[in-house]
C-alpha atoms as a PDB file:
ATOM      1  CA  MET A   1       1.075 -11.967   7.116  1.00  0.00           C
ATOM      2  CA  ILE A   2      -0.796 -14.326   4.828  1.00  0.00           C
ATOM      3  CA  ALA A   3      -2.332 -16.050   7.875  1.00  0.00           C
ATOM      4  CA  LEU A   4      -3.307 -12.638   9.294  1.00  0.00           C
ATOM      5  CA  SER A   5      -4.848 -11.626   5.964  1.00  0.00           C
ATOM      6  CA  ARG A   6      -6.808 -14.889   5.734  1.00  0.00           C
ATOM      7  CA  MET A   7      -7.993 -14.501   9.328  1.00  0.00           C
ATOM      8  CA  VAL A   8      -9.250 -10.941   8.677  1.00  0.00           C
ATOM      9  CA  THR A   9     -10.884 -12.053   5.387  1.00  0.00           C
ATOM     10  CA  ALA A  10     -12.661 -14.965   7.087  1.00  0.00           C
ATOM     11  CA  TRP A  11     -13.833 -12.679   9.901  1.00  0.00           C
ATOM     12  CA  LEU A  12     -15.213 -10.132   7.394  1.00  0.00           C
ATOM     13  CA  LYS A  13     -17.007 -12.840   5.383  1.00  0.00           C
ATOM     14  CA  ALA A  14     -18.572 -14.190   8.601  1.00  0.00           C
ATOM     15  CA  SER A  15     -19.677 -10.631   9.411  1.00  0.00           C
ATOM     16  CA  GLY A  16     -21.523 -10.449   6.066  1.00  0.00           C
ATOM     17  CA  CYS A  17     -19.658  -7.488   4.583  1.00  0.00           C
ATOM     18  CA  VAL A  18     -20.986  -7.612   1.020  1.00  0.00           C
ATOM     19  CA  LEU A  19     -19.278  -5.418  -1.548  1.00  0.00           C
ATOM     20  CA  ARG A  20     -19.417  -4.392  -5.191  1.00  0.00           C
ATOM     21  CA  GLY A  21     -19.494  -6.978  -7.967  1.00  0.00           C
ATOM     22  CA  GLY A  22     -20.022  -9.865  -5.580  1.00  0.00           C
ATOM     23  CA  VAL A  23     -16.589  -9.207  -4.018  1.00  0.00           C
ATOM     24  CA  ARG A  24     -16.191  -8.666  -0.312  1.00  0.00           C
ATOM     25  CA  GLU A  25     -14.989  -5.021  -0.455  1.00  0.00           C
ATOM     26  CA  MET A  26     -14.096  -4.911   3.212  1.00  0.00           C
ATOM     27  CA  ALA A  27     -11.943  -8.013   2.733  1.00  0.00           C
ATOM     28  CA  VAL A  28     -10.205  -6.327  -0.201  1.00  0.00           C
ATOM     29  CA  LYS A  29      -9.724  -3.160   1.836  1.00  0.00           C
ATOM     30  CA  ALA A  30      -8.443  -5.094   4.821  1.00  0.00           C
ATOM     31  CA  THR A  31      -5.999  -7.014   2.638  1.00  0.00           C
ATOM     32  CA  GLY A  32      -4.841  -3.812   0.964  1.00  0.00           C
ATOM     33  CA  PHE A  33      -4.566  -2.118   4.327  1.00  0.00           C
ATOM     34  CA  ALA A  34      -2.565  -5.016   5.768  1.00  0.00           C
ATOM     35  CA  MET A  35      -0.157  -4.986   2.840  1.00  0.00           C
ATOM     36  CA  LEU A  36       0.292  -1.208   2.873  1.00  0.00           C
ATOM     37  CA  ALA A  37       0.725  -1.289   6.621  1.00  0.00           C
ATOM     38  CA  ALA A  38       3.200  -4.146   6.421  1.00  0.00           C
ATOM     39  CA  ALA A  39       5.316  -1.995   4.207  1.00  0.00           C
ATOM     40  CA  LEU A  40       5.511   0.574   6.953  1.00  0.00           C
ATOM     41  CA  VAL A  41       7.318  -1.758   9.361  1.00  0.00           C
ATOM     42  CA  ALA A  42      10.137  -4.102   8.436  1.00  0.00           C
ATOM     43  CA  ALA A  43      12.880  -6.584   8.989  1.00  0.00           C
ATOM     44  CA  VAL A  44      15.583  -4.097   8.119  1.00  0.00           C
ATOM     45  CA  PRO A  45      18.936  -4.272   6.398  1.00  0.00           C
ATOM     46  CA  ALA A  46      21.884  -3.373   8.649  1.00  0.00           C
ATOM     47  CA  LYS A  47      22.275   0.133   7.179  1.00  0.00           C
ATOM     48  CA  ALA A  48      18.609   1.117   7.382  1.00  0.00           C
ATOM     49  CA  ASP A  49      17.603   4.240   9.287  1.00  0.00           C
ATOM     50  CA  GLU A  50      14.721   3.479  11.669  1.00  0.00           C
ATOM     51  CA  LEU A  51      12.239   6.345  11.663  1.00  0.00           C
ATOM     52  CA  LYS A  52      10.125   7.524  14.594  1.00  0.00           C
ATOM     53  CA  ALA A  53       6.404   7.910  13.902  1.00  0.00           C
ATOM     54  CA  HIS A  54       6.462  11.642  13.104  1.00  0.00           C
ATOM     55  CA  GLU A  55       9.577  11.180  10.895  1.00  0.00           C
ATOM     56  CA  ALA A  56       7.887   8.299   9.060  1.00  0.00           C
ATOM     57  CA  ARG A  57       4.778  10.377   8.383  1.00  0.00           C
ATOM     58  CA  GLN A  58       6.911  13.277   7.103  1.00  0.00           C
ATOM     59  CA  PHE A  59       8.971  10.944   4.854  1.00  0.00           C
ATOM     60  CA  ILE A  60       5.946   9.107   3.437  1.00  0.00           C
ATOM     61  CA  ALA A  61       2.929  11.439   3.421  1.00  0.00           C
ATOM     62  CA  GLY A  62       1.928  12.939   0.108  1.00  0.00           C
ATOM     63  CA  LYS A  63       4.333  10.869  -1.975  1.00  0.00           C
ATOM     64  CA  HIS A  64       3.620   8.108  -4.460  1.00  0.00           C
ATOM     65  CA  PHE A  65       5.271   4.744  -3.821  1.00  0.00           C
ATOM     66  CA  ALA A  66       5.474   1.403  -5.620  1.00  0.00           C
ATOM     67  CA  TYR A  67       5.800  -1.603  -3.309  1.00  0.00           C
ATOM     68  CA  ASN A  68       6.762  -5.266  -3.396  1.00  0.00           C
ATOM     69  CA  CYS A  69       6.079  -7.524  -0.409  1.00  0.00           C
ATOM     70  CA  PHE A  70       7.835 -10.645   0.827  1.00  0.00           C
ATOM     71  CA  GLU A  71       5.030 -13.008  -0.332  1.00  0.00           C
ATOM     72  CA  GLY A  72       4.617 -11.559  -3.839  1.00  0.00           C
ATOM     73  CA  THR A  73       1.987  -8.846  -3.337  1.00  0.00           C
ATOM     74  CA  SER A  74       2.786  -5.645  -5.208  1.00  0.00           C
ATOM     75  CA  GLY A  75       1.201  -2.339  -6.112  1.00  0.00           C
ATOM     76  CA  ASN A  76       1.479   1.399  -5.904  1.00  0.00           C
ATOM     77  CA  GLY A  77      -0.254   4.164  -4.068  1.00  0.00           C
ATOM     78  CA  LYS A  78      -0.119   7.219  -1.901  1.00  0.00           C
ATOM     79  CA  ILE A  79      -0.500   7.773   1.832  1.00  0.00           C
ATOM     80  CA  PHE A  80      -1.872  11.238   2.530  1.00  0.00           C
ATOM     81  CA  ALA A  81      -1.089  13.553   5.481  1.00  0.00           C
ATOM     82  CA  ASP A  82      -4.607  13.004   6.856  1.00  0.00           C
ATOM     83  CA  GLY A  83      -3.903   9.261   7.179  1.00  0.00           C
ATOM     84  CA  SER A  84      -5.961   8.212   4.161  1.00  0.00           C
ATOM     85  CA  VAL A  85      -4.592   5.796   1.580  1.00  0.00           C
ATOM     86  CA  ALA A  86      -5.354   5.358  -2.118  1.00  0.00           C
ATOM     87  CA  GLY A  87      -3.723   2.997  -4.567  1.00  0.00           C
ATOM     88  CA  TYR A  88      -3.569  -0.315  -6.359  1.00  0.00           C
ATOM     89  CA  ILE A  89      -2.840  -3.715  -4.876  1.00  0.00           C
ATOM     90  CA  ASN A  90      -2.061  -6.860  -6.836  1.00  0.00           C
ATOM     91  CA  ILE A  91      -2.219  -9.851  -4.526  1.00  0.00           C
ATOM     92  CA  ARG A  92      -0.066 -12.741  -5.730  1.00  0.00           C
ATOM     93  CA  GLY A  93      -2.197 -15.174  -7.691  1.00  0.00           C
ATOM     94  CA  SER A  94      -5.103 -12.769  -8.209  1.00  0.00           C
ATOM     95  CA  ALA A  95      -6.531 -11.798 -11.574  1.00  0.00           C
ATOM     96  CA  GLY A  96      -5.113  -8.288 -11.477  1.00  0.00           C
ATOM     97  CA  PRO A  97      -4.693  -5.106  -9.497  1.00  0.00           C
ATOM     98  CA  ARG A  98      -7.567  -3.667  -7.465  1.00  0.00           C
ATOM     99  CA  PHE A  99      -8.052  -0.038  -6.525  1.00  0.00           C
ATOM    100  CA  VAL A 100      -8.269   0.471  -2.744  1.00  0.00           C
ATOM    101  CA  VAL A 101      -9.202   3.645  -0.834  1.00  0.00           C
ATOM    102  CA  LEU A 102      -8.977   3.885   2.948  1.00  0.00           C
ATOM    103  CA  PRO A 103     -10.483   6.933   4.709  1.00  0.00           C
ATOM    104  CA  ALA A 104      -8.790   9.774   6.595  1.00  0.00           C
ATOM    105  CA  GLY A 105      -7.524   8.695   9.989  1.00  0.00           C
ATOM    106  CA  THR A 106      -6.711   5.160   8.887  1.00  0.00           C
ATOM    107  CA  LEU A 107      -3.011   5.746   9.607  1.00  0.00           C
ATOM    108  CA  LYS A 108      -2.191   7.789  12.695  1.00  0.00           C
ATOM    109  CA  ILE A 109       0.422   8.384  15.364  1.00  0.00           C
ATOM    110  CA  ARG A 110      -0.369   6.724  18.682  1.00  0.00           C
ATOM    111  CA  ASN A 111       2.137   6.690  21.572  1.00  0.00           C
ATOM    112  CA  ASP A 112       4.989   7.616  19.190  1.00  0.00           C
ATOM    113  CA  GLN A 113       4.152   4.714  16.871  1.00  0.00           C
ATOM    114  CA  TYR A 114       2.710   4.827  13.353  1.00  0.00           C
ATOM    115  CA  CYS A 115      -0.465   2.722  13.622  1.00  0.00           C
ATOM    116  CA  ALA A 116      -3.537   1.822  11.594  1.00  0.00           C
ATOM    117  CA  SER A 117      -7.177   1.887  12.574  1.00  0.00           C
ATOM    118  CA  MET A 118      -9.933   0.475  10.411  1.00  0.00           C
ATOM    119  CA  ARG A 119     -13.589   0.200  11.309  1.00  0.00           C
ATOM    120  CA  GLY A 120     -14.612  -3.434  11.650  1.00  0.00           C
ATOM    121  CA  VAL A 121     -11.096  -4.747  12.274  1.00  0.00           C
ATOM    122  CA  PRO A 122     -10.702  -5.773  15.933  1.00  0.00           C
ATOM    123  CA  PHE A 123      -7.060  -4.666  16.350  1.00  0.00           C
ATOM    124  CA  GLU A 124      -4.845  -1.663  15.548  1.00  0.00           C
ATOM    125  CA  PRO A 125      -1.469  -2.799  14.216  1.00  0.00           C
ATOM    126  CA  CYS A 126       1.531  -0.482  14.552  1.00  0.00           C
ATOM    127  CA  PHE A 127       4.470  -0.308  12.184  1.00  0.00           C
ATOM    128  CA  ASN A 128       8.240  -0.037  12.104  1.00  0.00           C
ATOM    129  CA  VAL A 129       9.458   2.142   9.221  1.00  0.00           C
ATOM    130  CA  ASP A 130      13.076   1.896   8.122  1.00  0.00           C
ATOM    131  CA  ARG A 131      14.443   4.301   5.513  1.00  0.00           C
ATOM    132  CA  THR A 132      16.691   2.357   3.140  1.00  0.00           C
ATOM    133  CA  SER A 133      17.597   5.340   0.900  1.00  0.00           C
ATOM    134  CA  HIS A 134      16.487   8.916   0.307  1.00  0.00           C
ATOM    135  CA  VAL A 135      13.613   7.569  -1.856  1.00  0.00           C
ATOM    136  CA  SER A 136      12.777   4.204  -0.296  1.00  0.00           C
ATOM    137  CA  PHE A 137      11.832   2.419   2.917  1.00  0.00           C
ATOM    138  CA  ARG A 138      11.052  -1.033   4.219  1.00  0.00           C
ATOM    139  CA  GLY A 139       8.084  -1.538   6.529  1.00  0.00           C
ATOM    140  CA  SER A 140       6.654  -4.328   8.660  1.00  0.00           C
ATOM    141  CA  ILE A 141       4.032  -4.819  11.343  1.00  0.00           C
ATOM    142  CA  SER A 142       5.617  -4.499  14.792  1.00  0.00           C
ATOM    143  CA  GLY A 143       6.464  -7.965  16.041  1.00  0.00           C
ATOM    144  CA  PHE A 144       6.270  -9.507  12.544  1.00  0.00           C
ATOM    145  CA  GLY A 145       9.594  -8.411  11.032  1.00  0.00           C
ATOM    146  CA  PHE A 146       9.576 -11.331   8.588  1.00  0.00           C
ATOM    147  CA  ALA A 147       6.476  -9.876   6.926  1.00  0.00           C
ATOM    148  CA  TYR A 148       7.801  -6.821   5.098  1.00  0.00           C
ATOM    149  CA  CYS A 149       7.251  -4.722   2.006  1.00  0.00           C
ATOM    150  CA  ASP A 150       9.823  -2.584   0.226  1.00  0.00           C
ATOM    151  CA  PHE A 151       8.606   0.823  -0.981  1.00  0.00           C
ATOM    152  CA  ASN A 152      10.256   2.974  -3.650  1.00  0.00           C
ATOM    153  CA  ARG A 153       9.158   6.518  -4.436  1.00  0.00           C
ATOM    154  CA  ARG A 154       7.667   6.773  -7.892  1.00  0.00           C
ATOM    155  CA  SER A 155       6.575   9.493 -10.220  1.00  0.00           C
ATOM    156  CA  VAL A 156       2.820   9.366 -10.790  1.00  0.00           C
ATOM    157  CA  ARG A 157       3.474  10.766 -14.218  1.00  0.00           C
ATOM    158  CA  ALA A 158       5.780   7.833 -15.082  1.00  0.00           C
ATOM    159  CA  ASP A 159       3.062   5.379 -14.025  1.00  0.00           C
ATOM    160  CA  VAL A 160       0.507   7.116 -16.278  1.00  0.00           C
ATOM    161  CA  VAL A 161       2.904   6.933 -19.226  1.00  0.00           C
ATOM    162  CA  ARG A 162       3.765   3.300 -18.463  1.00  0.00           C
ATOM    163  CA  SER A 163       0.069   2.309 -18.308  1.00  0.00           C
ATOM    164  CA  SER A 164      -0.962   3.833 -21.626  1.00  0.00           C
ATOM    165  CA  ALA A 165      -2.219   1.211 -24.050  1.00  0.00           C
ATOM    166  CA  ALA A 166       0.009   1.823 -27.073  1.00  0.00           C
ATOM    167  CA  PRO A 167       2.249   4.532 -28.470  1.00  0.00           C
ATOM    168  CA  ARG A 168       0.413   7.099 -30.567  1.00  0.00           C
ATOM    169  CA  SER A 169       1.605   8.411 -33.885  1.00  0.00           C
ATOM    170  CA  ILE A 170       2.659  12.036 -33.896  1.00  0.00           C
ATOM    171  CA  ARG A 171       1.934  12.380 -37.632  1.00  0.00           C
ATOM    172  CA  SER A 172      -1.104  14.526 -38.316  1.00  0.00           C
ATOM    173  CA  ALA A 173      -3.962  13.340 -40.461  1.00  0.00           C
ATOM    174  CA  ALA A 174      -3.041  16.016 -43.045  1.00  0.00           C
ATOM    175  CA  ALA A 175       0.498  14.683 -43.334  1.00  0.00           C
ATOM    176  CA  GLY A 176      -0.866  11.324 -44.497  1.00  0.00           C
ATOM    177  CA  ASN A 177      -2.534  12.933 -47.538  1.00  0.00           C
ATOM    178  CA  ASP A 178       0.720  14.236 -49.106  1.00  0.00           C
END
């Protein structure tokens, strides 16, 4: 997966895809896409429930998931029913999480497989999705079962609370003058 990510990144740099802040946005999107996609197909534990493409979309679409991948990448995000993706990715060794948005139609069903299509990327990987519980799944790119991500359903509200800078006092300003 790392080799695939580096190959795509090198290809995008060679293509001259310049992005915001001096960063190659397409490379970031491709990396985020690869990691999110890898989570959709997996080397599965013995008790996992392999999902067909339409079952995978129904189980995943519209829900918020946190993910951790085999090589240390982590993040959280949402895959929408229209095949678009929005979320944060924190690539192991990077300075911090980056926000990634992939357009409608990025993830789609093709020949009863859940696949990804991204403009500028010369291939369309498909994914194996294995439900590991009623709120989690493991995913990997078909043919690369060693490269997996584990996804756990999360509450967006819990993430907002967790990310707040510091607890606020509930005492009113008037109470301090007593």
